[in-house]
Each structure stands twice: as C-alpha cells, then as structure tokens.
C-alpha cells in the first residue's frame, strides 16, 4: 500500500513538474547509497549497546531474576 501511494504521488509530481520528478528518480538511489553506511553504523552501535546491557544485567540473571 505504501508503494502504491508513493507511485501515485510520483505520477502527480510528474504531471505537475516533470523535471523535479526526474531529478527525484535520479537522486533517490544516491541518497540511499549515502545513507547506507550510517545504517550499518547504527546496527553496530545497537549491537554494542545490547552487549553492554547483557553484561550489566548478567549478575541479576545469575541470581534468578525474571524480568
């Protein structure tokens, strides 16, 4: 459903201002490629924080806390 709304919005933009619609088609993959390293870094930071949390709560889990 989301893809359908994006396509309808792009078609409306194509009718109203075709140079902007074509520029959007060219820039979306470039923006995605630029954002990709930041997404990978965010996953790495999230994993590191999960590891720190697991180490921090390890004594409570060893003592039998069910949270």
PDB file of N, CA and C in Angstrom:
ATOM      1  N   UNK A   1       0.830  -1.188   0.000  1.00  0.00           N
ATOM      2  CA  UNK A   1       0.000   0.000   0.000  1.00  0.00           C
ATOM      3  C   UNK A   1       0.873   1.249   0.000  1.00  0.00           C
ATOM      4  N   UNK A   2       1.964   1.214   0.753  1.00  0.00           N
ATOM      5  CA  UNK A   2       2.850   2.366   0.813  1.00  0.00           C
ATOM      6  C   UNK A   2       3.482   2.626  -0.549  1.00  0.00           C
ATOM      7  N   UNK A   3       3.892   1.560  -1.245  1.00  0.00           N
ATOM      8  CA  UNK A   3       4.496   1.703  -2.567  1.00  0.00           C
ATOM      9  C   UNK A   3       3.493   2.309  -3.551  1.00  0.00           C
ATOM     10  N   UNK A   4       2.231   1.913  -3.439  1.00  0.00           N
ATOM     11  CA  UNK A   4       1.190   2.448  -4.318  1.00  0.00           C
ATOM     12  C   UNK A   4       1.015   3.949  -4.096  1.00  0.00           C
ATOM     13  N   UNK A   5       1.020   4.378  -2.844  1.00  0.00           N
ATOM     14  CA  UNK A   5       0.891   5.801  -2.555  1.00  0.00           C
ATOM     15  C   UNK A   5       2.095   6.589  -3.062  1.00  0.00           C
ATOM     16  N   UNK A   6       3.285   6.016  -2.948  1.00  0.00           N
ATOM     17  CA  UNK A   6       4.483   6.676  -3.458  1.00  0.00           C
ATOM     18  C   UNK A   6       4.408   6.806  -4.975  1.00  0.00           C
ATOM     19  N   UNK A   7       3.959   5.758  -5.649  1.00  0.00           N
ATOM     20  CA  UNK A   7       3.849   5.810  -7.109  1.00  0.00           C
ATOM     21  C   UNK A   7       2.803   6.821  -7.560  1.00  0.00           C
ATOM     22  N   UNK A   8       1.680   6.881  -6.868  1.00  0.00           N
ATOM     23  CA  UNK A   8       0.651   7.862  -7.216  1.00  0.00           C
ATOM     24  C   UNK A   8       1.180   9.278  -6.986  1.00  0.00           C
ATOM     25  N   UNK A   9       1.889   9.487  -5.873  1.00  0.00           N
ATOM     26  CA  UNK A   9       2.488  10.799  -5.609  1.00  0.00           C
ATOM     27  C   UNK A   9       3.517  11.174  -6.656  1.00  0.00           C
ATOM     28  N   UNK A  10       4.313  10.188  -7.091  1.00  0.00           N
ATOM     29  CA  UNK A  10       5.314  10.477  -8.114  1.00  0.00           C
ATOM     30  C   UNK A  10       4.650  10.797  -9.448  1.00  0.00           C
ATOM     31  N   UNK A  11       3.574  10.096  -9.781  1.00  0.00           N
ATOM     32  CA  UNK A  11       2.857  10.389 -11.027  1.00  0.00           C
ATOM     33  C   UNK A  11       2.235  11.785 -11.006  1.00  0.00           C
ATOM     34  N   UNK A  12       1.694  12.186  -9.872  1.00  0.00           N
ATOM     35  CA  UNK A  12       1.165  13.546  -9.744  1.00  0.00           C
ATOM     36  C   UNK A  12       2.288  14.559  -9.900  1.00  0.00           C
ATOM     37  N   UNK A  13       3.429  14.300  -9.287  1.00  0.00           N
ATOM     38  CA  UNK A  13       4.575  15.186  -9.425  1.00  0.00           C
ATOM     39  C   UNK A  13       5.064  15.218 -10.868  1.00  0.00           C
ATOM     40  N   UNK A  14       5.016  14.086 -11.548  1.00  0.00           N
ATOM     41  CA  UNK A  14       5.420  14.027 -12.950  1.00  0.00           C
ATOM     42  C   UNK A  14       4.523  14.896 -13.822  1.00  0.00           C
ATOM     43  N   UNK A  15       3.231  14.894 -13.540  1.00  0.00           N
ATOM     44  CA  UNK A  15       2.297  15.717 -14.311  1.00  0.00           C
ATOM     45  C   UNK A  15       2.493  17.205 -13.998  1.00  0.00           C
ATOM     46  N   UNK A  16       2.713  17.526 -12.716  1.00  0.00           N
ATOM     47  CA  UNK A  16       2.820  18.934 -12.330  1.00  0.00           C
ATOM     48  C   UNK A  16       4.182  19.536 -12.655  1.00  0.00           C
ATOM     49  N   UNK A  17       5.242  18.788 -12.410  1.00  0.00           N
ATOM     50  CA  UNK A  17       6.590  19.327 -12.611  1.00  0.00           C
ATOM     51  C   UNK A  17       7.516  18.178 -12.987  1.00  0.00           C
ATOM     52  N   UNK A  18       7.594  17.867 -14.276  1.00  0.00           N
ATOM     53  CA  UNK A  18       8.335  16.693 -14.711  1.00  0.00           C
ATOM     54  C   UNK A  18       9.839  16.780 -14.469  1.00  0.00           C
ATOM     55  N   UNK A  19      10.479  17.967 -14.539  1.00  0.00           N
ATOM     56  CA  UNK A  19      11.927  17.955 -14.236  1.00  0.00           C
ATOM     57  C   UNK A  19      12.227  17.572 -12.787  1.00  0.00           C
ATOM     58  N   UNK A  20      11.377  18.016 -11.873  1.00  0.00           N
ATOM     59  CA  UNK A  20      11.567  17.667 -10.465  1.00  0.00           C
ATOM     60  C   UNK A  20      11.337  16.173 -10.241  1.00  0.00           C
ATOM     61  N   UNK A  21      10.368  15.603 -10.935  1.00  0.00           N
ATOM     62  CA  UNK A  21      10.106  14.167 -10.802  1.00  0.00           C
ATOM     63  C   UNK A  21      11.279  13.350 -11.335  1.00  0.00           C
ATOM     64  N   UNK A  22      11.853  13.759 -12.452  1.00  0.00           N
ATOM     65  CA  UNK A  22      13.006  13.043 -12.988  1.00  0.00           C
ATOM     66  C   UNK A  22      14.228  13.210 -12.096  1.00  0.00           C
ATOM     67  N   UNK A  23      14.402  14.408 -11.525  1.00  0.00           N
ATOM     68  CA  UNK A  23      15.502  14.624 -10.580  1.00  0.00           C
ATOM     69  C   UNK A  23      15.335  13.735  -9.349  1.00  0.00           C
ATOM     70  N   UNK A  24      14.105  13.568  -8.904  1.00  0.00           N
ATOM     71  CA  UNK A  24      13.832  12.692  -7.769  1.00  0.00           C
ATOM     72  C   UNK A  24      14.195  11.247  -8.088  1.00  0.00           C
ATOM     73  N   UNK A  25      13.890  10.805  -9.289  1.00  0.00           N
ATOM     74  CA  UNK A  25      14.225   9.435  -9.697  1.00  0.00           C
ATOM     75  C   UNK A  25      15.737   9.238  -9.695  1.00  0.00           C
ATOM     76  N   UNK A  26      16.484  10.263 -10.060  1.00  0.00           N
ATOM     77  CA  UNK A  26      17.939  10.151 -10.103  1.00  0.00           C
ATOM     78  C   UNK A  26      18.583  10.284  -8.726  1.00  0.00           C
ATOM     79  N   UNK A  27      17.976  11.074  -7.830  1.00  0.00           N
ATOM     80  CA  UNK A  27      18.606  11.339  -6.537  1.00  0.00           C
ATOM     81  C   UNK A  27      18.270  10.325  -5.450  1.00  0.00           C
ATOM     82  N   UNK A  28      17.150   9.639  -5.549  1.00  0.00           N
ATOM     83  CA  UNK A  28      16.767   8.680  -4.502  1.00  0.00           C
ATOM     84  C   UNK A  28      17.798   7.560  -4.346  1.00  0.00           C
ATOM     85  N   UNK A  29      18.299   6.942  -5.423  1.00  0.00           N
ATOM     86  CA  UNK A  29      19.337   5.914  -5.216  1.00  0.00           C
ATOM     87  C   UNK A  29      20.631   6.475  -4.633  1.00  0.00           C
ATOM     88  N   UNK A  30      20.986   7.689  -5.000  1.00  0.00           N
ATOM     89  CA  UNK A  30      22.203   8.303  -4.463  1.00  0.00           C
ATOM     90  C   UNK A  30      22.053   8.558  -2.967  1.00  0.00           C
ATOM     91  N   UNK A  31      20.909   9.065  -2.559  1.00  0.00           N
ATOM     92  CA  UNK A  31      20.655   9.309  -1.128  1.00  0.00           C
ATOM     93  C   UNK A  31      20.658   7.993  -0.363  1.00  0.00           C
ATOM     94  N   UNK A  32      20.089   6.938  -0.958  1.00  0.00           N
ATOM     95  CA  UNK A  32      20.082   5.631  -0.306  1.00  0.00           C
ATOM     96  C   UNK A  32      21.507   5.107  -0.120  1.00  0.00           C
ATOM     97  N   UNK A  33      22.350   5.280  -1.143  1.00  0.00           N
ATOM     98  CA  UNK A  33      23.739   4.822  -1.033  1.00  0.00           C
ATOM     99  C   UNK A  33      24.521   5.625  -0.002  1.00  0.00           C
ATOM    100  N   UNK A  34      24.245   6.913   0.113  1.00  0.00           N
ATOM    101  CA  UNK A  34      24.935   7.739   1.112  1.00  0.00           C
ATOM    102  C   UNK A  34      24.477   7.356   2.515  1.00  0.00           C
ATOM    103  N   UNK A  35      23.206   7.019   2.680  1.00  0.00           N
ATOM    104  CA  UNK A  35      22.668   6.689   3.997  1.00  0.00           C
ATOM    105  C   UNK A  35      23.037   5.279   4.453  1.00  0.00           C
ATOM    106  N   UNK A  36      23.452   4.410   3.534  1.00  0.00           N
ATOM    107  CA  UNK A  36      23.734   3.020   3.866  1.00  0.00           C
ATOM    108  C   UNK A  36      24.820   2.844   4.927  1.00  0.00           C
ATOM    109  N   UNK A  37      25.953   3.546   4.864  1.00  0.00           N
ATOM    110  CA  UNK A  37      26.956   3.377   5.934  1.00  0.00           C
ATOM    111  C   UNK A  37      26.453   3.806   7.308  1.00  0.00           C
ATOM    112  N   UNK A  38      25.594   4.812   7.342  1.00  0.00           N
ATOM    113  CA  UNK A  38      25.044   5.245   8.622  1.00  0.00           C
ATOM    114  C   UNK A  38      24.112   4.189   9.206  1.00  0.00           C
ATOM    115  N   UNK A  39      23.380   3.486   8.349  1.00  0.00           N
ATOM    116  CA  UNK A  39      22.522   2.403   8.831  1.00  0.00           C
ATOM    117  C   UNK A  39      23.357   1.256   9.375  1.00  0.00           C
ATOM    118  N   UNK A  40      24.459   0.938   8.703  1.00  0.00           N
ATOM    119  CA  UNK A  40      25.350  -0.133   9.178  1.00  0.00           C
ATOM    120  C   UNK A  40      25.973   0.258  10.514  1.00  0.00           C
ATOM    121  N   UNK A  41      26.395   1.523  10.628  1.00  0.00           N
ATOM    122  CA  UNK A  41      26.970   2.001  11.892  1.00  0.00           C
ATOM    123  C   UNK A  41      25.925   1.961  13.010  1.00  0.00           C
ATOM    124  N   UNK A  42      24.698   2.298  12.691  1.00  0.00           N
ATOM    125  CA  UNK A  42      23.641   2.251  13.705  1.00  0.00           C
ATOM    126  C   UNK A  42      23.394   0.826  14.182  1.00  0.00           C
ATOM    127  N   UNK A  43      23.454  -0.144  13.273  1.00  0.00           N
ATOM    128  CA  UNK A  43      23.290  -1.543  13.682  1.00  0.00           C
ATOM    129  C   UNK A  43      24.445  -1.993  14.570  1.00  0.00           C
ATOM    130  N   UNK A  44      25.653  -1.538  14.252  1.00  0.00           N
ATOM    131  CA  UNK A  44      26.808  -1.905  15.070  1.00  0.00           C
ATOM    132  C   UNK A  44      26.703  -1.300  16.467  1.00  0.00           C
ATOM    133  N   UNK A  45      26.290  -0.041  16.551  1.00  0.00           N
ATOM    134  CA  UNK A  45      26.131   0.604  17.861  1.00  0.00           C
ATOM    135  C   UNK A  45      25.018  -0.071  18.647  1.00  0.00           C
ATOM    136  N   UNK A  46      23.932  -0.437  17.981  1.00  0.00           N
ATOM    137  CA  UNK A  46      22.834  -1.123  18.666  1.00  0.00           C
ATOM    138  C   UNK A  46      23.292  -2.470  19.216  1.00  0.00           C
ATOM    139  N   UNK A  47      24.092  -3.195  18.457  1.00  0.00           N
ATOM    140  CA  UNK A  47      24.624  -4.469  18.938  1.00  0.00           C
ATOM    141  C   UNK A  47      25.559  -4.291  20.108  1.00  0.00           C
ATOM    142  N   UNK A  48      26.399  -3.253  20.054  1.00  0.00           N
ATOM    143  CA  UNK A  48      27.314  -2.976  21.159  1.00  0.00           C
ATOM    144  C   UNK A  48      26.552  -2.613  22.430  1.00  0.00           C
ATOM    145  N   UNK A  49      25.510  -1.809  22.292  1.00  0.00           N
ATOM    146  CA  UNK A  49      24.709  -1.449  23.466  1.00  0.00           C
ATOM    147  C   UNK A  49      23.964  -2.665  24.032  1.00  0.00           C
ATOM    148  N   UNK A  50      23.520  -3.557  23.169  1.00  0.00           N
ATOM    149  CA  UNK A  50      22.869  -4.786  23.650  1.00  0.00           C
ATOM    150  C   UNK A  50      23.865  -5.660  24.405  1.00  0.00           C
ATOM    151  N   UNK A  51      25.104  -5.717  23.925  1.00  0.00           N
ATOM    152  CA  UNK A  51      26.138  -6.474  24.618  1.00  0.00           C
ATOM    153  C   UNK A  51      26.438  -5.874  25.985  1.00  0.00           C
ATOM    154  N   UNK A  52      26.557  -4.557  26.051  1.00  0.00           N
ATOM    155  CA  UNK A  52      26.820  -3.888  27.330  1.00  0.00           C
ATOM    156  C   UNK A  52      25.661  -4.122  28.294  1.00  0.00           C
ATOM    157  N   UNK A  53      24.431  -4.062  27.792  1.00  0.00           N
ATOM    158  CA  UNK A  53      23.272  -4.294  28.647  1.00  0.00           C
ATOM    159  C   UNK A  53      23.263  -5.729  29.164  1.00  0.00           C
ATOM    160  N   UNK A  54      23.606  -6.687  28.296  1.00  0.00           N
ATOM    161  CA  UNK A  54      23.625  -8.089  28.720  1.00  0.00           C
ATOM    162  C   UNK A  54      24.687  -8.318  29.786  1.00  0.00           C
ATOM    163  N   UNK A  55      25.848  -7.702  29.625  1.00  0.00           N
ATOM    164  CA  UNK A  55      26.912  -7.843  30.633  1.00  0.00           C
ATOM    165  C   UNK A  55      26.497  -7.169  31.938  1.00  0.00           C
ATOM    166  N   UNK A  56      25.825  -6.034  31.832  1.00  0.00           N
ATOM    167  CA  UNK A  56      25.403  -5.297  33.022  1.00  0.00           C
ATOM    168  C   UNK A  56      24.354  -6.074  33.826  1.00  0.00           C
ATOM    169  N   UNK A  57      23.445  -6.745  33.141  1.00  0.00           N
ATOM    170  CA  UNK A  57      22.378  -7.478  33.823  1.00  0.00           C
ATOM    171  C   UNK A  57      22.727  -8.945  34.091  1.00  0.00           C
ATOM    172  N   UNK A  58      23.924  -9.372  33.746  1.00  0.00           N
ATOM    173  CA  UNK A  58      24.309 -10.759  33.963  1.00  0.00           C
ATOM    174  C   UNK A  58      24.245 -11.185  35.426  1.00  0.00           C
ATOM    175  N   UNK A  59      24.724 -10.373  36.386  1.00  0.00           N
ATOM    176  CA  UNK A  59      24.619 -10.823  37.793  1.00  0.00           C
ATOM    177  C   UNK A  59      23.174 -11.050  38.247  1.00  0.00           C
ATOM    178  N   UNK A  60      22.265 -10.200  37.817  1.00  0.00           N
ATOM    179  CA  UNK A  60      20.864 -10.387  38.202  1.00  0.00           C
ATOM    180  C   UNK A  60      20.297 -11.655  37.585  1.00  0.00           C
ATOM    181  N   UNK A  61      20.673 -11.955  36.350  1.00  0.00           N
ATOM    182  CA  UNK A  61      20.173 -13.183  35.712  1.00  0.00           C
ATOM    183  C   UNK A  61      20.758 -14.411  36.382  1.00  0.00           C
ATOM    184  N   UNK A  62      22.008 -14.323  36.838  1.00  0.00           N
ATOM    185  CA  UNK A  62      22.598 -15.471  37.519  1.00  0.00           C
ATOM    186  C   UNK A  62      21.960 -15.703  38.866  1.00  0.00           C
ATOM    187  N   UNK A  63      21.469 -14.647  39.503  1.00  0.00           N
ATOM    188  CA  UNK A  63      20.809 -14.787  40.793  1.00  0.00           C
ATOM    189  C   UNK A  63      19.326 -15.181  40.649  1.00  0.00           C
ATOM    190  N   UNK A  64      18.847 -15.290  39.441  1.00  0.00           N
ATOM    191  CA  UNK A  64      17.497 -15.822  39.237  1.00  0.00           C
ATOM    192  C   UNK A  64      16.421 -14.800  39.013  1.00  0.00           C
ATOM    193  N   UNK A  65      16.749 -13.563  38.708  1.00  0.00           N
ATOM    194  CA  UNK A  65      15.730 -12.540  38.460  1.00  0.00           C
ATOM    195  C   UNK A  65      15.052 -12.803  37.127  1.00  0.00           C
ATOM    196  N   UNK A  66      13.728 -12.791  37.110  1.00  0.00           N
ATOM    197  CA  UNK A  66      12.957 -12.968  35.869  1.00  0.00           C
ATOM    198  C   UNK A  66      12.305 -11.634  35.519  1.00  0.00           C
ATOM    199  N   UNK A  67      12.884 -10.895  34.589  1.00  0.00           N
ATOM    200  CA  UNK A  67      12.344  -9.580  34.281  1.00  0.00           C
ATOM    201  C   UNK A  67      11.900  -9.395  32.883  1.00  0.00           C
TER     202      UNK A  67
END
